[in-house]
Protein backbone atom coordinates (compact mmCIF):
# COMPACT_ATOMS: atom_id res chain seq x y z
CA MET A 1 1.80 -12.98 11.83
CA ALA A 2 0.84 -10.88 8.78
CA LEU A 3 0.23 -7.19 9.39
CA LYS A 4 -3.33 -5.91 9.14
CA ILE A 5 -3.84 -2.46 7.68
CA THR A 6 -6.57 0.14 8.00
CA VAL A 7 -7.09 3.18 5.81
CA ILE A 8 -8.98 6.13 7.31
CA GLY A 9 -10.61 8.33 4.68
CA THR A 10 -11.54 6.70 1.36
CA GLY A 11 -11.43 9.63 -1.03
CA TYR A 12 -8.98 9.84 -3.89
CA LEU A 13 -5.89 9.04 -1.81
CA GLY A 14 -7.50 6.58 0.63
CA ALA A 15 -9.40 4.47 -1.91
CA THR A 16 -6.24 4.10 -4.00
CA HIS A 17 -4.07 3.30 -0.97
CA ALA A 18 -6.54 0.72 0.38
CA ALA A 19 -6.81 -1.10 -2.97
CA ALA A 20 -3.02 -1.02 -3.42
CA MET A 21 -2.39 -2.43 0.08
CA ALA A 22 -4.78 -5.31 -0.72
CA GLU A 23 -2.92 -5.84 -4.00
CA LEU A 24 0.34 -6.08 -2.01
CA GLY A 25 -1.21 -8.97 -0.05
CA PHE A 26 -2.46 -7.34 3.15
CA GLU A 27 -5.85 -7.69 4.85
CA VAL A 28 -7.26 -4.15 4.68
CA LEU A 29 -10.17 -2.38 6.38
CA GLY A 30 -11.15 1.05 5.04
CA LEU A 31 -13.15 3.58 7.05
CA ASP A 32 -15.13 6.63 6.01
CA VAL A 33 -17.79 8.75 7.71
CA VAL A 34 -19.84 9.18 4.50
CA PRO A 35 -22.29 6.24 4.12
CA GLU A 36 -22.75 6.76 0.34
CA LYS A 37 -19.01 6.46 -0.21
CA ILE A 38 -18.80 3.22 1.78
CA GLU A 39 -21.78 1.74 -0.12
CA MET A 40 -20.15 2.57 -3.47
CA LEU A 41 -16.81 1.06 -2.48
CA GLN A 42 -18.48 -2.10 -1.17
CA ARG A 43 -19.98 -2.54 -4.65
CA GLY A 44 -16.49 -2.15 -6.12
CA GLU A 45 -17.23 1.32 -7.54
CA VAL A 46 -15.12 4.44 -7.06
CA PRO A 47 -16.46 7.95 -6.44
CA MET A 48 -13.96 9.43 -8.94
CA TYR A 49 -12.38 8.52 -12.27
CA GLU A 50 -8.86 7.14 -11.97
CA PRO A 51 -7.47 4.75 -14.60
CA GLY A 52 -7.19 1.18 -13.25
CA LEU A 53 -8.55 1.92 -9.76
CA GLU A 54 -12.01 0.37 -10.14
CA GLU A 55 -10.51 -2.81 -11.62
CA LEU A 56 -8.08 -3.03 -8.69
CA LEU A 57 -10.91 -2.54 -6.17
CA ARG A 58 -13.09 -5.21 -7.77
CA LYS A 59 -10.15 -7.59 -7.62
CA HIS A 60 -10.04 -7.37 -3.81
CA VAL A 61 -13.34 -6.09 -2.28
CA ALA A 62 -15.01 -8.79 -0.16
CA GLY A 63 -18.35 -10.03 -1.52
CA ILE A 64 -17.52 -9.44 -5.18
CA GLU A 65 -17.42 -12.64 -7.19
CA GLY A 66 -13.86 -13.77 -7.90
CA SER A 67 -12.22 -11.21 -5.60
CA SER A 68 -9.48 -11.98 -3.05
CA GLY A 69 -11.80 -10.70 -0.30
CA ARG A 70 -8.86 -8.94 1.36
CA LEU A 71 -10.50 -5.49 1.36
CA ARG A 72 -13.53 -4.48 3.45
CA PHE A 73 -15.09 -1.16 4.47
CA THR A 74 -16.73 0.09 7.66
CA MET A 75 -17.92 3.21 9.51
CA ASP A 76 -17.05 1.78 12.95
CA TRP A 77 -13.98 3.31 14.66
CA ALA A 78 -13.84 0.56 17.30
CA GLU A 79 -13.74 -2.11 14.59
CA VAL A 80 -10.89 -0.29 12.84
CA ALA A 81 -8.87 0.06 16.06
CA GLU A 82 -9.30 -3.60 16.94
CA PHE A 83 -8.52 -4.82 13.40
CA GLY A 84 -5.39 -2.88 12.47
CA ASP A 85 -1.71 -3.01 13.34
CA VAL A 86 -0.95 -0.04 11.06
CA HIS A 87 -3.52 2.74 10.56
CA PHE A 88 -3.05 5.05 7.53
CA VAL A 89 -4.75 8.45 7.84
CA CYS A 90 -5.64 9.64 4.32
CA VAL A 91 -8.19 12.40 4.92
CA ASN A 92 -8.45 15.68 3.04
CA THR A 93 -6.68 18.92 4.03
CA PRO A 94 -8.44 21.58 1.91
CA GLN A 95 -7.70 25.31 1.89
CA LYS A 96 -9.55 27.20 4.63
CA HIS A 97 -12.42 29.30 3.34
CA GLY A 98 -11.24 32.88 2.79
CA GLU A 99 -7.66 32.09 3.91
CA TYR A 100 -4.45 30.64 2.49
CA ALA A 101 -4.00 28.28 5.44
CA CYS A 102 -4.75 24.57 5.41
CA ASP A 103 -7.93 23.26 7.12
CA MET A 104 -6.78 20.59 9.59
CA SER A 105 -10.26 19.82 10.97
CA TYR A 106 -10.62 16.48 9.11
CA VAL A 107 -7.19 15.25 10.24
CA ASP A 108 -7.83 16.37 13.83
CA ALA A 109 -11.25 14.67 13.83
CA ALA A 110 -9.75 11.41 12.50
CA PHE A 111 -7.10 11.31 15.26
CA ALA A 112 -9.64 12.26 17.96
CA SER A 113 -12.02 9.50 16.77
CA LEU A 114 -9.41 6.74 16.44
CA ALA A 115 -7.21 7.28 19.49
CA PRO A 116 -9.72 6.47 22.28
CA HIS A 117 -10.20 2.98 20.77
CA LEU A 118 -6.49 2.08 20.63
CA THR A 119 -6.01 -0.30 23.58
CA GLY A 120 -2.80 -2.00 22.40
CA PRO A 121 0.39 -1.33 20.41
CA ALA A 122 -0.30 0.36 17.06
CA LEU A 123 1.37 2.52 14.45
CA VAL A 124 -0.64 5.44 13.08
CA VAL A 125 0.74 6.73 9.77
CA GLY A 126 -0.18 10.16 8.44
CA LYS A 127 -0.34 10.42 4.65
CA SER A 128 -2.28 13.69 4.37
CA THR A 129 -0.43 16.87 3.32
CA VAL A 130 -0.20 18.95 6.52
CA PRO A 131 1.59 22.12 7.71
CA VAL A 132 5.05 21.46 9.15
CA GLY A 133 4.77 20.96 12.93
CA SER A 134 1.45 19.08 12.78
CA ALA A 135 2.94 15.59 13.29
CA ASP A 136 4.64 16.59 16.54
CA ARG A 137 1.30 17.83 17.92
CA LEU A 138 -0.64 14.80 16.63
CA ALA A 139 1.87 12.39 18.20
CA ARG A 140 1.08 13.98 21.59
CA VAL A 141 -2.66 13.74 20.89
CA LEU A 142 -2.34 9.99 20.26
CA VAL A 143 -0.49 9.37 23.53
CA GLU A 144 -2.93 11.54 25.53
CA LEU A 145 -6.15 10.08 24.07
CA SER A 146 -5.16 6.41 23.62
CA PRO A 147 -5.71 3.89 26.44
CA ALA A 148 -2.45 2.27 25.24
CA GLY A 149 -0.61 5.59 25.73
CA GLU A 150 3.08 5.39 24.72
CA GLU A 151 2.49 2.11 22.86
CA VAL A 152 0.75 4.06 20.11
CA GLU A 153 3.29 5.62 17.80
CA LEU A 154 3.04 8.04 14.89
CA ALA A 155 4.93 8.04 11.60
CA TRP A 156 4.59 10.50 8.71
CA ASN A 157 4.62 9.02 5.22
CA PRO A 158 3.62 11.66 2.62
CA GLU A 159 1.85 10.64 -0.59
CA PHE A 160 3.14 11.55 -4.06
CA LEU A 161 0.22 10.47 -6.24
CA ARG A 162 -0.22 11.99 -9.67
CA GLU A 163 -3.83 11.97 -10.78
CA GLY A 164 -4.12 9.67 -13.77
CA PHE A 165 -1.20 7.54 -12.49
CA ALA A 166 -2.28 6.98 -8.87
CA VAL A 167 -2.39 3.16 -8.95
CA GLN A 168 1.07 2.93 -10.51
CA ASP A 169 2.46 5.59 -8.14
CA THR A 170 1.20 3.64 -5.10
CA LEU A 171 2.36 0.19 -6.21
CA HIS A 172 5.64 1.36 -7.79
CA PRO A 173 6.53 4.69 -6.07
CA ASP A 174 9.60 6.66 -7.14
CA ARG A 175 10.46 7.13 -3.44
CA ILE A 176 9.04 6.35 0.00
CA VAL A 177 9.58 8.92 2.72
CA ALA A 178 9.21 7.91 6.37
CA GLY A 179 9.21 10.48 9.16
CA ILE A 180 9.77 8.30 12.25
CA ARG A 181 10.93 8.35 15.86
CA SER A 182 11.75 4.71 16.51
CA GLU A 183 13.27 1.59 14.98
CA ARG A 184 9.95 -0.19 15.47
CA ALA A 185 8.11 2.35 13.32
CA GLU A 186 10.75 2.03 10.59
CA LYS A 187 10.60 -1.78 10.73
CA LEU A 188 6.79 -1.75 10.36
CA LEU A 189 6.85 0.64 7.40
CA ARG A 190 9.58 -1.41 5.70
CA GLU A 191 7.32 -4.44 6.15
CA VAL A 192 4.33 -2.61 4.63
CA TYR A 193 6.38 -1.48 1.64
CA ALA A 194 8.49 -4.65 1.29
CA THR A 195 7.39 -5.26 -2.32
CA PRO A 196 8.27 -1.82 -3.78
CA LEU A 197 11.48 -1.77 -1.69
CA SER A 198 12.48 -5.13 -3.19
CA GLU A 199 12.02 -3.53 -6.64
CA GLY A 200 14.56 -0.84 -5.74
CA THR A 201 12.33 2.05 -4.61
CA PRO A 202 14.46 4.40 -2.43
CA PHE A 203 13.43 4.57 1.25
CA VAL A 204 14.20 7.97 2.80
CA VAL A 205 14.13 8.07 6.60
CA SER A 206 13.77 11.48 8.23
CA ASP A 207 12.39 13.35 11.24
CA PHE A 208 8.76 14.53 11.34
CA PRO A 209 9.26 18.11 10.06
CA THR A 210 11.29 17.02 7.03
CA ALA A 211 8.72 14.37 6.07
CA GLU A 212 5.94 16.96 6.33
CA LEU A 213 7.90 19.40 4.15
CA VAL A 214 8.72 16.97 1.31
CA LYS A 215 5.32 17.08 -0.43
CA THR A 216 4.90 20.85 -0.16
CA ALA A 217 8.50 21.44 -1.26
CA ALA A 218 8.06 19.14 -4.27
CA ASN A 219 4.77 20.78 -5.27
CA SER A 220 6.28 24.26 -4.85
CA PHE A 221 9.18 23.30 -7.12
CA LEU A 222 6.82 21.95 -9.82
CA ALA A 223 4.60 25.04 -9.55
CA THR A 224 7.72 27.23 -9.91
CA LYS A 225 8.80 25.38 -13.05
CA ILE A 226 5.33 25.69 -14.63
CA SER A 227 5.03 29.39 -13.79
CA PHE A 228 8.60 30.02 -14.97
CA ILE A 229 7.87 28.79 -18.50
CA ASN A 230 4.56 30.67 -18.46
CA ALA A 231 6.42 33.87 -17.55
CA MET A 232 8.77 33.15 -20.47
CA ALA A 233 5.68 32.80 -22.69
CA GLU A 234 4.66 36.33 -21.69
CA VAL A 235 8.11 37.63 -22.67
CA CYS A 236 7.99 35.63 -25.95
CA GLU A 237 4.59 37.14 -26.66
CA ALA A 238 6.01 40.63 -26.18
CA GLY A 239 9.30 40.00 -28.00
CA GLY A 240 8.12 37.75 -30.83
CA GLY A 241 9.83 34.58 -29.61
CA ASP A 242 8.50 31.00 -29.64
CA VAL A 243 8.14 29.57 -26.12
CA VAL A 244 7.89 25.97 -27.40
CA LYS A 245 11.31 26.22 -29.10
CA LEU A 246 12.66 28.05 -26.04
CA ALA A 247 11.47 25.24 -23.73
CA GLU A 248 12.94 22.61 -26.06
CA ALA A 249 16.31 24.37 -26.10
CA ILE A 250 16.62 24.88 -22.32
CA GLY A 251 15.16 21.41 -21.65
CA HIS A 252 18.23 19.78 -23.21
CA ASP A 253 20.22 21.06 -20.22
CA ASP A 254 19.96 18.11 -17.82
CA ARG A 255 20.14 20.48 -14.85
CA ILE A 256 16.80 21.89 -16.05
CA GLY A 257 15.15 18.94 -17.82
CA LYS A 258 12.21 18.86 -20.23
CA LYS A 259 9.37 17.99 -17.85
CA PHE A 260 6.84 20.61 -16.74
CA LEU A 261 8.10 23.09 -19.34
CA ARG A 262 4.99 23.25 -21.52
CA ALA A 263 3.60 26.78 -21.47
CA GLY A 264 -0.17 27.18 -21.30
CA ILE A 265 -3.00 28.30 -19.06
CA GLY A 266 -1.29 27.05 -15.92
CA PHE A 267 -1.88 24.56 -13.14
CA GLY A 268 -4.96 23.81 -11.06
CA GLY A 269 -6.43 20.85 -9.22
CA GLY A 270 -6.87 19.98 -5.57
CA CYS A 271 -3.15 19.95 -4.65
CA LEU A 272 -0.73 22.42 -6.23
CA PRO A 273 -2.66 25.68 -5.68
CA LYS A 274 -3.78 24.94 -2.11
CA ASP A 275 -0.44 23.38 -1.12
CA ILE A 276 1.67 26.38 -2.12
CA ARG A 277 -0.78 28.73 -0.38
CA ALA A 278 -0.77 26.66 2.81
CA PHE A 279 3.04 26.57 2.64
CA MET A 280 3.17 30.38 2.49
CA ALA A 281 0.71 30.67 5.38
CA ARG A 282 2.69 28.24 7.55
CA ALA A 283 6.02 29.94 6.77
CA GLY A 284 4.42 33.18 7.95
CA GLU A 285 3.38 31.58 11.24
CA LEU A 286 6.94 30.32 11.71
CA GLY A 287 8.43 33.75 11.03
CA ALA A 288 10.01 32.52 7.76
CA ASP A 289 7.57 34.22 5.38
CA GLN A 290 10.36 35.99 3.44
CA ALA A 291 11.72 32.61 2.37
CA LEU A 292 8.54 31.92 0.39
CA THR A 293 7.53 35.34 -0.95
CA PHE A 294 8.50 34.07 -4.43
CA LEU A 295 5.56 31.61 -4.22
CA ARG A 296 3.15 34.56 -4.17
CA GLU A 297 4.48 35.56 -7.60
CA ILE A 298 4.30 31.93 -8.80
CA ASP A 299 0.61 31.85 -7.79
CA SER A 300 0.03 35.25 -9.40
CA ILE A 301 1.65 34.25 -12.76
CA ASN A 302 -0.47 31.10 -12.72
CA MET A 303 -3.78 32.89 -12.11
CA ARG A 304 -2.89 35.59 -14.67
CA ARG A 305 -2.70 32.96 -17.45
CA ARG A 306 -6.44 32.35 -17.27
CA GLY A 307 -7.28 36.01 -17.84
CA GLN A 308 -4.75 36.16 -20.67
CA MET A 309 -6.48 33.24 -22.41
CA VAL A 310 -9.79 35.09 -22.17
CA GLU A 311 -8.18 38.22 -23.67
CA MET A 312 -6.55 36.22 -26.49
CA THR A 313 -9.97 34.76 -27.30
CA ARG A 314 -11.52 38.24 -27.35
CA GLU A 315 -8.73 39.43 -29.66
CA VAL A 316 -9.23 36.66 -32.27
CA LEU A 317 -12.97 37.37 -32.26
CA GLY A 318 -12.44 41.00 -33.25
CA GLY A 319 -11.42 42.57 -29.97
CA SER A 320 -14.64 43.86 -28.45
CA SER A 321 -17.52 41.87 -26.98
CA PHE A 322 -18.27 38.16 -26.61
CA LEU A 323 -21.98 38.87 -27.14
CA GLY A 324 -23.44 36.77 -29.93
CA LYS A 325 -20.27 34.65 -30.17
CA ARG A 326 -20.25 30.88 -29.79
CA ILE A 327 -17.17 29.46 -28.06
CA ALA A 328 -16.36 25.75 -27.86
CA VAL A 329 -14.19 24.65 -24.93
CA LEU A 330 -12.45 21.28 -25.23
CA GLY A 331 -11.61 20.19 -21.69
CA ALA A 332 -13.09 20.74 -18.25
CA THR A 333 -10.78 18.81 -15.92
CA PHE A 334 -7.60 20.40 -14.56
CA LYS A 335 -5.53 17.67 -16.28
CA PRO A 336 -6.16 14.66 -18.54
CA ASP A 337 -6.94 11.12 -17.27
CA SER A 338 -8.96 12.47 -14.35
CA ASP A 339 -12.50 13.68 -13.67
CA ASP A 340 -11.24 16.29 -11.17
CA VAL A 341 -12.45 19.83 -11.91
CA ARG A 342 -11.24 21.44 -8.66
CA ASP A 343 -9.65 24.83 -9.46
CA SER A 344 -9.63 23.85 -13.15
CA PRO A 345 -8.06 26.53 -15.39
CA ALA A 346 -10.19 25.24 -18.31
CA LEU A 347 -13.49 25.73 -16.47
CA ASN A 348 -12.31 29.06 -15.06
CA VAL A 349 -11.68 30.37 -18.60
CA ALA A 350 -15.01 28.96 -19.83
CA GLY A 351 -16.81 30.60 -16.89
CA GLN A 352 -15.17 33.99 -17.44
CA ILE A 353 -16.13 34.06 -21.14
CA HIS A 354 -19.68 32.98 -20.27
CA LEU A 355 -19.98 35.75 -17.66
CA GLN A 356 -18.88 38.26 -20.31
CA GLY A 357 -21.71 37.24 -22.64
CA GLY A 358 -20.24 34.42 -24.75
CA GLN A 359 -22.24 31.29 -25.53
CA VAL A 360 -19.92 28.60 -24.20
CA THR A 361 -20.25 24.87 -24.89
CA VAL A 362 -17.92 22.47 -23.05
CA TYR A 363 -16.93 18.89 -23.79
CA ASP A 364 -14.63 16.68 -21.69
CA PRO A 365 -14.12 12.89 -21.93
CA LYS A 366 -14.54 12.29 -18.16
CA GLY A 367 -15.30 15.52 -16.31
CA MET A 368 -18.77 16.43 -17.59
CA GLU A 369 -20.77 15.45 -14.51
CA ASN A 370 -18.47 17.29 -12.09
CA ALA A 371 -18.28 20.33 -14.39
CA ARG A 372 -22.09 20.51 -14.63
CA ARG A 373 -22.34 20.47 -10.85
CA LEU A 374 -19.83 23.31 -10.51
CA PHE A 375 -20.90 25.43 -13.53
CA PRO A 376 -24.55 24.52 -14.28
CA THR A 377 -25.08 27.58 -16.50
CA LEU A 378 -22.50 26.57 -19.14
CA GLY A 379 -23.58 24.55 -22.19
CA TYR A 380 -22.40 20.93 -22.41
CA ALA A 381 -22.06 18.63 -25.41
CA GLU A 382 -21.73 14.85 -25.72
CA SER A 383 -18.76 14.97 -28.12
CA ALA A 384 -16.06 17.30 -29.44
CA VAL A 385 -17.89 17.61 -32.77
CA ASP A 386 -21.15 18.56 -31.01
CA ALA A 387 -19.29 21.11 -28.86
CA VAL A 388 -17.75 22.94 -31.83
CA ARG A 389 -20.91 23.03 -33.96
CA GLY A 390 -21.42 26.66 -35.07
CA ALA A 391 -18.45 27.92 -32.99
CA HIS A 392 -16.64 31.15 -33.83
CA ALA A 393 -13.60 29.91 -31.85
CA VAL A 394 -12.46 26.57 -30.42
CA LEU A 395 -10.42 26.59 -27.20
CA HIS A 396 -8.25 23.54 -26.41
CA LEU A 397 -7.80 23.76 -22.63
CA THR A 398 -7.14 20.23 -21.28
CA GLU A 399 -4.59 18.06 -23.08
CA TRP A 400 -6.60 14.85 -23.47
CA ARG A 401 -5.20 12.44 -26.06
CA GLU A 402 -8.65 12.42 -27.71
CA PHE A 403 -8.23 16.11 -28.57
CA ARG A 404 -4.72 15.66 -30.00
CA GLU A 405 -6.13 12.96 -32.29
CA LEU A 406 -9.03 15.04 -33.65
CA ASP A 407 -9.19 15.50 -37.42
CA PRO A 408 -8.99 19.30 -38.00
CA ALA A 409 -10.51 18.97 -41.50
CA ALA A 410 -13.58 17.07 -40.22
CA LEU A 411 -13.94 19.45 -37.27
CA GLY A 412 -13.72 22.40 -39.66
CA GLU A 413 -16.95 21.26 -41.36
CA ALA A 414 -18.89 21.87 -38.13
CA VAL A 415 -17.62 25.32 -37.06
CA THR A 416 -18.63 28.80 -38.20
CA ASP A 417 -15.00 30.04 -38.18
CA ARG A 418 -11.89 27.87 -38.25
CA VAL A 419 -10.15 29.48 -35.26
CA VAL A 420 -8.42 27.35 -32.64
CA LEU A 421 -6.66 28.60 -29.51
CA ASP A 422 -4.37 25.99 -28.00
CA GLY A 423 -4.23 26.71 -24.27
CA ARG A 424 -1.91 23.74 -23.70
CA ASN A 425 0.54 23.99 -26.63
CA ALA A 426 -0.24 20.33 -27.31
CA LEU A 427 -1.75 20.42 -30.83
CA ASP A 428 0.35 20.38 -34.01
CA PRO A 429 0.04 23.90 -35.52
CA SER A 430 1.13 22.78 -39.01
CA VAL A 431 -1.63 20.15 -39.22
CA TRP A 432 -4.33 22.60 -38.11
CA ARG A 433 -3.08 25.40 -40.38
CA ALA A 434 -2.93 22.99 -43.33
CA ALA A 435 -6.64 22.28 -42.73
CA GLY A 436 -7.41 26.01 -43.03
CA TRP A 437 -7.48 26.92 -39.35
CA THR A 438 -6.13 30.07 -37.70
CA TYR A 439 -4.00 28.58 -34.90
CA ARG A 440 -3.03 30.64 -31.86
CA ALA A 441 -1.21 29.67 -28.68
CA MET A 442 0.35 31.65 -25.83
CA GLY A 443 3.94 32.67 -26.35
CA ARG A 444 4.10 31.56 -30.00
CA PRO A 445 4.35 33.48 -33.28
CA THR A 446 1.02 33.87 -35.05
CA ALA A 447 2.43 33.25 -38.56
């Protein structure tokens, strides 16, 4: 008999996972506690921008003409428990307000709501990013609260989605990690992921703590690599070197590699910053805080980049005040191919300049609505050309393809001063300089 799958939490991770499971051929029931979210998903609409996700949803959501009908949504915990053989928990684990630690309240609530309805054998699979040690506790919760007791098992299967590539990363993952305690749990997960496994995706079996640590360890490594090249940019700035050439040269060493070595205004988003902070907090609780003190410096380098971009902007405008100056900011999201503005370096820089008296106008291909909600006092434009009209400086802060393809000569007709600051080292300096622009970027010679 074919496995039936439920997905608890239909935000970014859950909506993608539910649609992907339907695409892999499973009957899927998604649950959320927010009625508006469920109504949207039932119409085949997603509450966020993610390339390919809405098309995938519409292909499978029941009630949409021409769909497979394999994907439905509900708010009823009893229905979910009765329907599913495998229950994926995909709820959010944000940073606690005023602390570094991770807020486990949504995960705890999901387990407490599901367990009392589990009357027969089931596998509950955690996908949320949680502090190491959580799975062990949650496994006990399931046994204590479930009528089926020991027949309800837990597995931990961390997600590795990259925003902008989430559909591809779910259907064709570069690895699948399974923290398990029984052969039955492994067998079920191998069944769920049979298609990617048949394509050669590695399947890594581990204990609970290792599975919980994989995502935070991976994110900490990426954050370290980004902050490393940004620290090198600071040294290049002081010593007259070119961080782009430096990154190219060290990237040829295959022990280092080229990826994540583009210096700029640093990382943001809903994962990297909160994950490394939660990791530090948890290490402290375990008495291993010294092992991760380097992450405090990684976080500090990253946050410092934003202030340095503000200072570089002040410098090119004459070095004193932003008053009476018009600044165009190209980019609001924390990365391209997303509408996510959580902890966005681009918006942080825009906000700082605005607070210091600058007239800031922002344009982003997908993040305008979310940016407006977060920073209602900034100016917003409908296009890049509208954003730069009358600007004394243009800041390129999110590396959308649209911005790389802009015509500097045409853009130059709209600005007051042809000054561009490339916060992502993604534009071609020679092209912009040839069109009469002063081009500046962090860690690069000004000539």
